[in-house]
Amino acid sequence: MSTLDNIKQQIAENSVILYMKGTPDFPQCGFSARAVNILKACGAKFAYINILENPDIRAELPTYANWPTFPQLYINQELIGGSDIIADMYEAGELQELLKAI
């Protein structure tokens, strides 16, 4: 399976998936930690991919998503964005509404 096919499959099989540096229990950057903390505050169950352990995904995903940075949050196969967008949506209550629908 190609890296691109693998990414597409991961996004299709998980209603909420976060591509991040590190793991939810041990984030490896502040932006990933912020995203995880917000998702946890929402009570969301989410899958994650540690891009530091998956250099092929780390290289390919920005091109596929047309989004250059990490973390990247996908909900229902749609790219939501990075930590700033996640935080803005959380502050506005939009993220909680989106996650309730899952």
PDB file of N, CA and C in Angstrom:
ATOM      1  N   MET A   1       0.849  -1.172   0.000  1.00  0.00           N
ATOM      2  CA  MET A   1       0.000   0.000   0.000  1.00  0.00           C
ATOM      3  C   MET A   1       0.900   1.243   0.000  1.00  0.00           C
ATOM      4  N   SER A   2       0.560   2.198  -0.836  1.00  0.00           N
ATOM      5  CA  SER A   2       1.343   3.427  -0.887  1.00  0.00           C
ATOM      6  C   SER A   2       1.061   4.277   0.350  1.00  0.00           C
ATOM      7  N   THR A   3       1.941   5.201   0.623  1.00  0.00           N
ATOM      8  CA  THR A   3       1.752   6.105   1.763  1.00  0.00           C
ATOM      9  C   THR A   3       0.457   6.894   1.611  1.00  0.00           C
ATOM     10  N   LEU A   4       0.187   7.362   0.410  1.00  0.00           N
ATOM     11  CA  LEU A   4      -1.036   8.126   0.170  1.00  0.00           C
ATOM     12  C   LEU A   4      -2.274   7.270   0.419  1.00  0.00           C
ATOM     13  N   ASP A   5      -2.262   6.024  -0.041  1.00  0.00           N
ATOM     14  CA  ASP A   5      -3.382   5.123   0.209  1.00  0.00           C
ATOM     15  C   ASP A   5      -3.548   4.855   1.706  1.00  0.00           C
ATOM     16  N   ASN A   6      -2.436   4.725   2.397  1.00  0.00           N
ATOM     17  CA  ASN A   6      -2.462   4.512   3.842  1.00  0.00           C
ATOM     18  C   ASN A   6      -3.107   5.702   4.556  1.00  0.00           C
ATOM     19  N   ILE A   7      -2.721   6.911   4.174  1.00  0.00           N
ATOM     20  CA  ILE A   7      -3.310   8.121   4.761  1.00  0.00           C
ATOM     21  C   ILE A   7      -4.809   8.157   4.504  1.00  0.00           C
ATOM     22  N   LYS A   8      -5.200   7.925   3.272  1.00  0.00           N
ATOM     23  CA  LYS A   8      -6.628   7.939   2.923  1.00  0.00           C
ATOM     24  C   LYS A   8      -7.399   6.908   3.731  1.00  0.00           C
ATOM     25  N   GLN A   9      -6.822   5.730   3.909  1.00  0.00           N
ATOM     26  CA  GLN A   9      -7.482   4.679   4.686  1.00  0.00           C
ATOM     27  C   GLN A   9      -7.611   5.093   6.150  1.00  0.00           C
ATOM     28  N   GLN A  10      -6.554   5.651   6.734  1.00  0.00           N
ATOM     29  CA  GLN A  10      -6.605   6.090   8.130  1.00  0.00           C
ATOM     30  C   GLN A  10      -7.703   7.131   8.334  1.00  0.00           C
ATOM     31  N   ILE A  11      -7.778   8.089   7.430  1.00  0.00           N
ATOM     32  CA  ILE A  11      -8.781   9.149   7.547  1.00  0.00           C
ATOM     33  C   ILE A  11     -10.183   8.580   7.362  1.00  0.00           C
ATOM     34  N   ALA A  12     -10.342   7.640   6.437  1.00  0.00           N
ATOM     35  CA  ALA A  12     -11.653   7.039   6.178  1.00  0.00           C
ATOM     36  C   ALA A  12     -12.126   6.163   7.328  1.00  0.00           C
ATOM     37  N   GLU A  13     -11.203   5.471   8.001  1.00  0.00           N
ATOM     38  CA  GLU A  13     -11.580   4.515   9.046  1.00  0.00           C
ATOM     39  C   GLU A  13     -11.767   5.139  10.426  1.00  0.00           C
ATOM     40  N   ASN A  14     -11.370   6.390  10.604  1.00  0.00           N
ATOM     41  CA  ASN A  14     -11.460   7.039  11.915  1.00  0.00           C
ATOM     42  C   ASN A  14     -12.246   8.331  11.800  1.00  0.00           C
ATOM     43  N   SER A  15     -13.357   8.411  12.521  1.00  0.00           N
ATOM     44  CA  SER A  15     -14.174   9.617  12.428  1.00  0.00           C
ATOM     45  C   SER A  15     -13.452  10.838  12.983  1.00  0.00           C
ATOM     46  N   VAL A  16     -12.546  10.627  13.928  1.00  0.00           N
ATOM     47  CA  VAL A  16     -11.709  11.717  14.447  1.00  0.00           C
ATOM     48  C   VAL A  16     -10.272  11.190  14.506  1.00  0.00           C
ATOM     49  N   ILE A  17      -9.388  11.853  13.788  1.00  0.00           N
ATOM     50  CA  ILE A  17      -7.982  11.437  13.792  1.00  0.00           C
ATOM     51  C   ILE A  17      -7.091  12.674  13.829  1.00  0.00           C
ATOM     52  N   LEU A  18      -6.071  12.582  14.647  1.00  0.00           N
ATOM     53  CA  LEU A  18      -5.120  13.674  14.815  1.00  0.00           C
ATOM     54  C   LEU A  18      -3.736  13.193  14.395  1.00  0.00           C
ATOM     55  N   TYR A  19      -3.175  13.862  13.411  1.00  0.00           N
ATOM     56  CA  TYR A  19      -1.792  13.627  13.031  1.00  0.00           C
ATOM     57  C   TYR A  19      -0.959  14.605  13.858  1.00  0.00           C
ATOM     58  N   MET A  20      -0.084  14.060  14.685  1.00  0.00           N
ATOM     59  CA  MET A  20       0.599  14.883  15.678  1.00  0.00           C
ATOM     60  C   MET A  20       2.036  14.443  15.875  1.00  0.00           C
ATOM     61  N   LYS A  21       2.776  15.275  16.580  1.00  0.00           N
ATOM     62  CA  LYS A  21       4.130  14.920  16.993  1.00  0.00           C
ATOM     63  C   LYS A  21       4.044  14.342  18.394  1.00  0.00           C
ATOM     64  N   GLY A  22       4.351  13.053  18.503  1.00  0.00           N
ATOM     65  CA  GLY A  22       4.270  12.363  19.783  1.00  0.00           C
ATOM     66  C   GLY A  22       2.962  11.603  19.911  1.00  0.00           C
ATOM     67  N   THR A  23       2.573  11.367  21.157  1.00  0.00           N
ATOM     68  CA  THR A  23       1.340  10.641  21.462  1.00  0.00           C
ATOM     69  C   THR A  23       0.479  11.505  22.381  1.00  0.00           C
ATOM     70  N   PRO A  24      -0.804  11.179  22.526  1.00  0.00           N
ATOM     71  CA  PRO A  24      -1.631  11.959  23.437  1.00  0.00           C
ATOM     72  C   PRO A  24      -1.086  11.991  24.869  1.00  0.00           C
ATOM     73  N   ASP A  25      -0.465  10.897  25.301  1.00  0.00           N
ATOM     74  CA  ASP A  25       0.104  10.866  26.647  1.00  0.00           C
ATOM     75  C   ASP A  25       1.462  11.549  26.735  1.00  0.00           C
ATOM     76  N   PHE A  26       2.131  11.690  25.610  1.00  0.00           N
ATOM     77  CA  PHE A  26       3.456  12.309  25.601  1.00  0.00           C
ATOM     78  C   PHE A  26       3.653  13.110  24.307  1.00  0.00           C
ATOM     79  N   PRO A  27       2.932  14.236  24.197  1.00  0.00           N
ATOM     80  CA  PRO A  27       3.103  15.069  23.001  1.00  0.00           C
ATOM     81  C   PRO A  27       4.534  15.594  22.918  1.00  0.00           C
ATOM     82  N   GLN A  28       5.029  15.718  21.697  1.00  0.00           N
ATOM     83  CA  GLN A  28       6.417  16.135  21.489  1.00  0.00           C
ATOM     84  C   GLN A  28       6.544  17.583  21.015  1.00  0.00           C
ATOM     85  N   CYS A  29       5.443  18.318  21.005  1.00  0.00           N
ATOM     86  CA  CYS A  29       5.512  19.756  20.713  1.00  0.00           C
ATOM     87  C   CYS A  29       4.310  20.432  21.363  1.00  0.00           C
ATOM     88  N   GLY A  30       4.448  21.704  21.596  1.00  0.00           N
ATOM     89  CA  GLY A  30       3.396  22.457  22.262  1.00  0.00           C
ATOM     90  C   GLY A  30       2.095  22.507  21.480  1.00  0.00           C
ATOM     91  N   PHE A  31       2.198  22.581  20.160  1.00  0.00           N
ATOM     92  CA  PHE A  31       1.000  22.648  19.337  1.00  0.00           C
ATOM     93  C   PHE A  31       0.213  21.340  19.402  1.00  0.00           C
ATOM     94  N   SER A  32       0.932  20.225  19.365  1.00  0.00           N
ATOM     95  CA  SER A  32       0.268  18.919  19.489  1.00  0.00           C
ATOM     96  C   SER A  32      -0.346  18.767  20.874  1.00  0.00           C
ATOM     97  N   ALA A  33       0.357  19.212  21.903  1.00  0.00           N
ATOM     98  CA  ALA A  33      -0.177  19.139  23.270  1.00  0.00           C
ATOM     99  C   ALA A  33      -1.456  19.950  23.389  1.00  0.00           C
ATOM    100  N   ARG A  34      -1.457  21.128  22.795  1.00  0.00           N
ATOM    101  CA  ARG A  34      -2.648  21.997  22.838  1.00  0.00           C
ATOM    102  C   ARG A  34      -3.833  21.311  22.170  1.00  0.00           C
ATOM    103  N   ALA A  35      -3.610  20.720  20.999  1.00  0.00           N
ATOM    104  CA  ALA A  35      -4.685  20.033  20.281  1.00  0.00           C
ATOM    105  C   ALA A  35      -5.236  18.869  21.096  1.00  0.00           C
ATOM    106  N   VAL A  36      -4.354  18.075  21.680  1.00  0.00           N
ATOM    107  CA  VAL A  36      -4.770  16.934  22.495  1.00  0.00           C
ATOM    108  C   VAL A  36      -5.577  17.405  23.704  1.00  0.00           C
ATOM    109  N   ASN A  37      -5.102  18.433  24.380  1.00  0.00           N
ATOM    110  CA  ASN A  37      -5.808  18.934  25.561  1.00  0.00           C
ATOM    111  C   ASN A  37      -7.205  19.430  25.219  1.00  0.00           C
ATOM    112  N   ILE A  38      -7.355  20.069  24.077  1.00  0.00           N
ATOM    113  CA  ILE A  38      -8.674  20.545  23.655  1.00  0.00           C
ATOM    114  C   ILE A  38      -9.585  19.365  23.336  1.00  0.00           C
ATOM    115  N   LEU A  39      -9.075  18.381  22.602  1.00  0.00           N
ATOM    116  CA  LEU A  39      -9.898  17.209  22.290  1.00  0.00           C
ATOM    117  C   LEU A  39     -10.310  16.479  23.564  1.00  0.00           C
ATOM    118  N   LYS A  40      -9.395  16.366  24.514  1.00  0.00           N
ATOM    119  CA  LYS A  40      -9.728  15.720  25.786  1.00  0.00           C
ATOM    120  C   LYS A  40     -10.767  16.535  26.550  1.00  0.00           C
ATOM    121  N   ALA A  41     -10.649  17.859  26.515  1.00  0.00           N
ATOM    122  CA  ALA A  41     -11.619  18.725  27.195  1.00  0.00           C
ATOM    123  C   ALA A  41     -13.013  18.564  26.597  1.00  0.00           C
ATOM    124  N   CYS A  42     -13.066  18.224  25.324  1.00  0.00           N
ATOM    125  CA  CYS A  42     -14.352  17.982  24.650  1.00  0.00           C
ATOM    126  C   CYS A  42     -14.875  16.579  24.925  1.00  0.00           C
ATOM    127  N   GLY A  43     -14.058  15.742  25.551  1.00  0.00           N
ATOM    128  CA  GLY A  43     -14.451  14.357  25.793  1.00  0.00           C
ATOM    129  C   GLY A  43     -14.412  13.508  24.538  1.00  0.00           C
ATOM    130  N   ALA A  44     -13.658  13.947  23.556  1.00  0.00           N
ATOM    131  CA  ALA A  44     -13.627  13.252  22.270  1.00  0.00           C
ATOM    132  C   ALA A  44     -12.753  12.009  22.327  1.00  0.00           C
ATOM    133  N   LYS A  45     -13.232  10.957  21.701  1.00  0.00           N
ATOM    134  CA  LYS A  45     -12.402   9.784  21.456  1.00  0.00           C
ATOM    135  C   LYS A  45     -11.803   9.992  20.073  1.00  0.00           C
ATOM    136  N   PHE A  46     -10.493   9.823  19.988  1.00  0.00           N
ATOM    137  CA  PHE A  46      -9.845  10.088  18.710  1.00  0.00           C
ATOM    138  C   PHE A  46      -8.667   9.154  18.498  1.00  0.00           C
ATOM    139  N   ALA A  47      -8.437   8.865  17.241  1.00  0.00           N
ATOM    140  CA  ALA A  47      -7.254   8.120  16.844  1.00  0.00           C
ATOM    141  C   ALA A  47      -6.132   9.129  16.629  1.00  0.00           C
ATOM    142  N   TYR A  48      -4.912   8.638  16.647  1.00  0.00           N
ATOM    143  CA  TYR A  48      -3.793   9.533  16.380  1.00  0.00           C
ATOM    144  C   TYR A  48      -2.714   8.780  15.615  1.00  0.00           C
ATOM    145  N   ILE A  49      -1.931   9.540  14.908  1.00  0.00           N
ATOM    146  CA  ILE A  49      -0.758   9.024  14.231  1.00  0.00           C
ATOM    147  C   ILE A  49       0.411   9.904  14.660  1.00  0.00           C
ATOM    148  N   ASN A  50       1.433   9.261  15.205  1.00  0.00           N
ATOM    149  CA  ASN A  50       2.650   9.965  15.595  1.00  0.00           C
ATOM    150  C   ASN A  50       3.515  10.117  14.360  1.00  0.00           C
ATOM    151  N   ILE A  51       3.568  11.317  13.799  1.00  0.00           N
ATOM    152  CA  ILE A  51       4.314  11.516  12.561  1.00  0.00           C
ATOM    153  C   ILE A  51       5.819  11.400  12.768  1.00  0.00           C
ATOM    154  N   LEU A  52       6.279  11.511  14.009  1.00  0.00           N
ATOM    155  CA  LEU A  52       7.712  11.354  14.267  1.00  0.00           C
ATOM    156  C   LEU A  52       8.151   9.903  14.069  1.00  0.00           C
ATOM    157  N   GLU A  53       7.212   8.973  14.220  1.00  0.00           N
ATOM    158  CA  GLU A  53       7.494   7.558  13.999  1.00  0.00           C
ATOM    159  C   GLU A  53       7.098   7.108  12.596  1.00  0.00           C
ATOM    160  N   ASN A  54       6.533   8.013  11.829  1.00  0.00           N
ATOM    161  CA  ASN A  54       6.066   7.711  10.475  1.00  0.00           C
ATOM    162  C   ASN A  54       6.560   8.783   9.506  1.00  0.00           C
ATOM    163  N   PRO A  55       7.854   8.787   9.196  1.00  0.00           N
ATOM    164  CA  PRO A  55       8.401   9.851   8.352  1.00  0.00           C
ATOM    165  C   PRO A  55       7.782   9.911   6.956  1.00  0.00           C
ATOM    166  N   ASP A  56       7.312   8.769   6.459  1.00  0.00           N
ATOM    167  CA  ASP A  56       6.657   8.773   5.150  1.00  0.00           C
ATOM    168  C   ASP A  56       5.357   9.578   5.197  1.00  0.00           C
ATOM    169  N   ILE A  57       4.585   9.404   6.260  1.00  0.00           N
ATOM    170  CA  ILE A  57       3.344  10.164   6.420  1.00  0.00           C
ATOM    171  C   ILE A  57       3.670  11.633   6.670  1.00  0.00           C
ATOM    172  N   ARG A  58       4.685  11.879   7.483  1.00  0.00           N
ATOM    173  CA  ARG A  58       5.094  13.260   7.764  1.00  0.00           C
ATOM    174  C   ARG A  58       5.454  13.992   6.471  1.00  0.00           C
ATOM    175  N   ALA A  59       6.074  13.300   5.538  1.00  0.00           N
ATOM    176  CA  ALA A  59       6.475  13.904   4.270  1.00  0.00           C
ATOM    177  C   ALA A  59       5.306  14.054   3.303  1.00  0.00           C
ATOM    178  N   GLU A  60       4.402  13.091   3.288  1.00  0.00           N
ATOM    179  CA  GLU A  60       3.335  13.041   2.282  1.00  0.00           C
ATOM    180  C   GLU A  60       2.085  13.832   2.668  1.00  0.00           C
ATOM    181  N   LEU A  61       1.715  13.825   3.944  1.00  0.00           N
ATOM    182  CA  LEU A  61       0.447  14.421   4.367  1.00  0.00           C
ATOM    183  C   LEU A  61       0.328  15.910   4.041  1.00  0.00           C
ATOM    184  N   PRO A  62       1.351  16.732   4.236  1.00  0.00           N
ATOM    185  CA  PRO A  62       1.188  18.156   3.896  1.00  0.00           C
ATOM    186  C   PRO A  62       0.815  18.389   2.432  1.00  0.00           C
ATOM    187  N   THR A  63       1.338  17.566   1.535  1.00  0.00           N
ATOM    188  CA  THR A  63       0.989  17.697   0.119  1.00  0.00           C
ATOM    189  C   THR A  63      -0.449  17.249  -0.111  1.00  0.00           C
ATOM    190  N   TYR A  64      -0.811  16.114   0.462  1.00  0.00           N
ATOM    191  CA  TYR A  64      -2.172  15.588   0.311  1.00  0.00           C
ATOM    192  C   TYR A  64      -3.202  16.576   0.861  1.00  0.00           C
ATOM    193  N   ALA A  65      -2.919  17.120   2.035  1.00  0.00           N
ATOM    194  CA  ALA A  65      -3.877  17.984   2.719  1.00  0.00           C
ATOM    195  C   ALA A  65      -3.814  19.435   2.253  1.00  0.00           C
ATOM    196  N   ASN A  66      -2.737  19.779   1.551  1.00  0.00           N
ATOM    197  CA  ASN A  66      -2.482  21.179   1.220  1.00  0.00           C
ATOM    198  C   ASN A  66      -2.432  22.017   2.501  1.00  0.00           C
ATOM    199  N   TRP A  67      -1.822  21.424   3.528  1.00  0.00           N
ATOM    200  CA  TRP A  67      -1.682  22.054   4.847  1.00  0.00           C
ATOM    201  C   TRP A  67      -0.269  21.720   5.334  1.00  0.00           C
ATOM    202  N   PRO A  68       0.590  22.727   5.521  1.00  0.00           N
ATOM    203  CA  PRO A  68       2.010  22.444   5.706  1.00  0.00           C
ATOM    204  C   PRO A  68       2.457  22.037   7.105  1.00  0.00           C
ATOM    205  N   THR A  69       1.629  22.250   8.107  1.00  0.00           N
ATOM    206  CA  THR A  69       2.100  22.077   9.483  1.00  0.00           C
ATOM    207  C   THR A  69       1.352  20.966  10.211  1.00  0.00           C
ATOM    208  N   PHE A  70       1.880  20.621  11.376  1.00  0.00           N
ATOM    209  CA  PHE A  70       1.270  19.646  12.262  1.00  0.00           C
ATOM    210  C   PHE A  70       1.076  20.299  13.614  1.00  0.00           C
ATOM    211  N   PRO A  71       0.043  19.894  14.340  1.00  0.00           N
ATOM    212  CA  PRO A  71      -0.879  18.786  14.091  1.00  0.00           C
ATOM    213  C   PRO A  71      -1.896  19.109  12.998  1.00  0.00           C
ATOM    214  N   GLN A  72      -2.539  18.045  12.528  1.00  0.00           N
ATOM    215  CA  GLN A  72      -3.654  18.150  11.590  1.00  0.00           C
ATOM    216  C   GLN A  72      -4.795  17.298  12.137  1.00  0.00           C
ATOM    217  N   LEU A  73      -5.945  17.929  12.313  1.00  0.00           N
ATOM    218  CA  LEU A  73      -7.129  17.235  12.821  1.00  0.00           C
ATOM    219  C   LEU A  73      -8.113  17.016  11.689  1.00  0.00           C
ATOM    220  N   TYR A  74      -8.586  15.763  11.583  1.00  0.00           N
ATOM    221  CA  TYR A  74      -9.627  15.407  10.615  1.00  0.00           C
ATOM    222  C   TYR A  74     -10.841  14.911  11.382  1.00  0.00           C
ATOM    223  N   ILE A  75     -12.002  15.426  11.013  1.00  0.00           N
ATOM    224  CA  ILE A  75     -13.266  14.962  11.572  1.00  0.00           C
ATOM    225  C   ILE A  75     -14.166  14.593  10.399  1.00  0.00           C
ATOM    226  N   ASN A  76     -14.647  13.368  10.413  1.00  0.00           N
ATOM    227  CA  ASN A  76     -15.483  12.856   9.324  1.00  0.00           C
ATOM    228  C   ASN A  76     -14.827  13.103   7.961  1.00  0.00           C
ATOM    229  N   GLN A  77     -13.561  12.761   7.874  1.00  0.00           N
ATOM    230  CA  GLN A  77     -12.771  12.813   6.648  1.00  0.00           C
ATOM    231  C   GLN A  77     -12.517  14.231   6.138  1.00  0.00           C
ATOM    232  N   GLU A  78     -12.795  15.232   6.953  1.00  0.00           N
ATOM    233  CA  GLU A  78     -12.570  16.624   6.559  1.00  0.00           C
ATOM    234  C   GLU A  78     -11.445  17.215   7.407  1.00  0.00           C
ATOM    235  N   LEU A  79     -10.500  17.859   6.742  1.00  0.00           N
ATOM    236  CA  LEU A  79      -9.438  18.539   7.470  1.00  0.00           C
ATOM    237  C   LEU A  79     -10.029  19.742   8.199  1.00  0.00           C
ATOM    238  N   ILE A  80      -9.863  19.758   9.511  1.00  0.00           N
ATOM    239  CA  ILE A  80     -10.323  20.880  10.323  1.00  0.00           C
ATOM    240  C   ILE A  80      -9.227  21.936  10.382  1.00  0.00           C
ATOM    241  N   GLY A  81      -7.995  21.505  10.637  1.00  0.00           N
ATOM    242  CA  GLY A  81      -6.873  22.427  10.668  1.00  0.00           C
ATOM    243  C   GLY A  81      -5.898  22.066  11.763  1.00  0.00           C
ATOM    244  N   GLY A  82      -5.080  23.041  12.121  1.00  0.00           N
ATOM    245  CA  GLY A  82      -4.063  22.870  13.138  1.00  0.00           C
ATOM    246  C   GLY A  82      -4.511  23.398  14.492  1.00  0.00           C
ATOM    247  N   SER A  83      -3.560  23.559  15.388  1.00  0.00           N
ATOM    248  CA  SER A  83      -3.910  23.875  16.776  1.00  0.00           C
ATOM    249  C   SER A  83      -4.582  25.231  16.929  1.00  0.00           C
ATOM    250  N   ASP A  84      -4.204  26.226  16.142  1.00  0.00           N
ATOM    251  CA  ASP A  84      -4.844  27.540  16.265  1.00  0.00           C
ATOM    252  C   ASP A  84      -6.317  27.476  15.867  1.00  0.00           C
ATOM    253  N   ILE A  85      -6.602  26.799  14.766  1.00  0.00           N
ATOM    254  CA  ILE A  85      -7.994  26.660  14.312  1.00  0.00           C
ATOM    255  C   ILE A  85      -8.788  25.815  15.304  1.00  0.00           C
ATOM    256  N   ILE A  86      -8.175  24.746  15.794  1.00  0.00           N
ATOM    257  CA  ILE A  86      -8.840  23.901  16.795  1.00  0.00           C
ATOM    258  C   ILE A  86      -9.186  24.737  18.025  1.00  0.00           C
ATOM    259  N   ALA A  87      -8.239  25.549  18.487  1.00  0.00           N
ATOM    260  CA  ALA A  87      -8.469  26.392  19.670  1.00  0.00           C
ATOM    261  C   ALA A  87      -9.555  27.433  19.410  1.00  0.00           C
ATOM    262  N   ASP A  88      -9.529  28.056  18.241  1.00  0.00           N
ATOM    263  CA  ASP A  88     -10.553  29.050  17.903  1.00  0.00           C
ATOM    264  C   ASP A  88     -11.940  28.411  17.865  1.00  0.00           C
ATOM    265  N   MET A  89     -12.029  27.235  17.248  1.00  0.00           N
ATOM    266  CA  MET A  89     -13.314  26.539  17.173  1.00  0.00           C
ATOM    267  C   MET A  89     -13.787  26.119  18.562  1.00  0.00           C
ATOM    268  N   TYR A  90     -12.862  25.702  19.412  1.00  0.00           N
ATOM    269  CA  TYR A  90     -13.197  25.305  20.782  1.00  0.00           C
ATOM    270  C   TYR A  90     -13.726  26.503  21.558  1.00  0.00           C
ATOM    271  N   GLU A  91     -13.038  27.633  21.448  1.00  0.00           N
ATOM    272  CA  GLU A  91     -13.454  28.851  22.159  1.00  0.00           C
ATOM    273  C   GLU A  91     -14.858  29.294  21.724  1.00  0.00           C
ATOM    274  N   ALA A  92     -15.164  29.106  20.454  1.00  0.00           N
ATOM    275  CA  ALA A  92     -16.465  29.508  19.915  1.00  0.00           C
ATOM    276  C   ALA A  92     -17.554  28.457  20.142  1.00  0.00           C
ATOM    277  N   GLY A  93     -17.174  27.285  20.651  1.00  0.00           N
ATOM    278  CA  GLY A  93     -18.132  26.210  20.864  1.00  0.00           C
ATOM    279  C   GLY A  93     -18.413  25.386  19.617  1.00  0.00           C
ATOM    280  N   GLU A  94     -17.769  25.703  18.519  1.00  0.00           N
ATOM    281  CA  GLU A  94     -18.015  25.006  17.256  1.00  0.00           C
ATOM    282  C   GLU A  94     -17.451  23.585  17.261  1.00  0.00           C
ATOM    283  N   LEU A  95     -16.291  23.421  17.876  1.00  0.00           N
ATOM    284  CA  LEU A  95     -15.669  22.096  17.890  1.00  0.00           C
ATOM    285  C   LEU A  95     -16.513  21.113  18.686  1.00  0.00           C
ATOM    286  N   GLN A  96     -17.025  21.563  19.819  1.00  0.00           N
ATOM    287  CA  GLN A  96     -17.861  20.697  20.647  1.00  0.00           C
ATOM    288  C   GLN A  96     -19.106  20.239  19.861  1.00  0.00           C
ATOM    289  N   GLU A  97     -19.710  21.155  19.113  1.00  0.00           N
ATOM    290  CA  GLU A  97     -20.893  20.799  18.325  1.00  0.00           C
ATOM    291  C   GLU A  97     -20.547  19.789  17.239  1.00  0.00           C
ATOM    292  N   LEU A  98     -19.419  20.002  16.613  1.00  0.00           N
ATOM    293  CA  LEU A  98     -18.978  19.097  15.552  1.00  0.00           C
ATOM    294  C   LEU A  98     -18.729  17.701  16.112  1.00  0.00           C
ATOM    295  N   LEU A  99     -18.116  17.634  17.273  1.00  0.00           N
ATOM    296  CA  LEU A  99     -17.790  16.339  17.893  1.00  0.00           C
ATOM    297  C   LEU A  99     -19.037  15.651  18.447  1.00  0.00           C
ATOM    298  N   LYS A 100     -20.043  16.408  18.850  1.00  0.00           N
ATOM    299  CA  LYS A 100     -21.287  15.806  19.358  1.00  0.00           C
ATOM    300  C   LYS A 100     -21.998  15.014  18.277  1.00  0.00           C
ATOM    301  N   ALA A 101     -21.843  15.444  17.054  1.00  0.00           N
ATOM    302  CA  ALA A 101     -22.548  14.819  15.921  1.00  0.00           C
ATOM    303  C   ALA A 101     -21.952  13.469  15.544  1.00  0.00           C
ATOM    304  N   ILE A 102     -20.863  13.086  16.170  1.00  0.00           N
ATOM    305  CA  ILE A 102     -20.189  11.829  15.821  1.00  0.00           C
ATOM    306  C   ILE A 102     -20.688  10.693  16.679  1.00  0.00           C
TER     307      ILE A 102
END
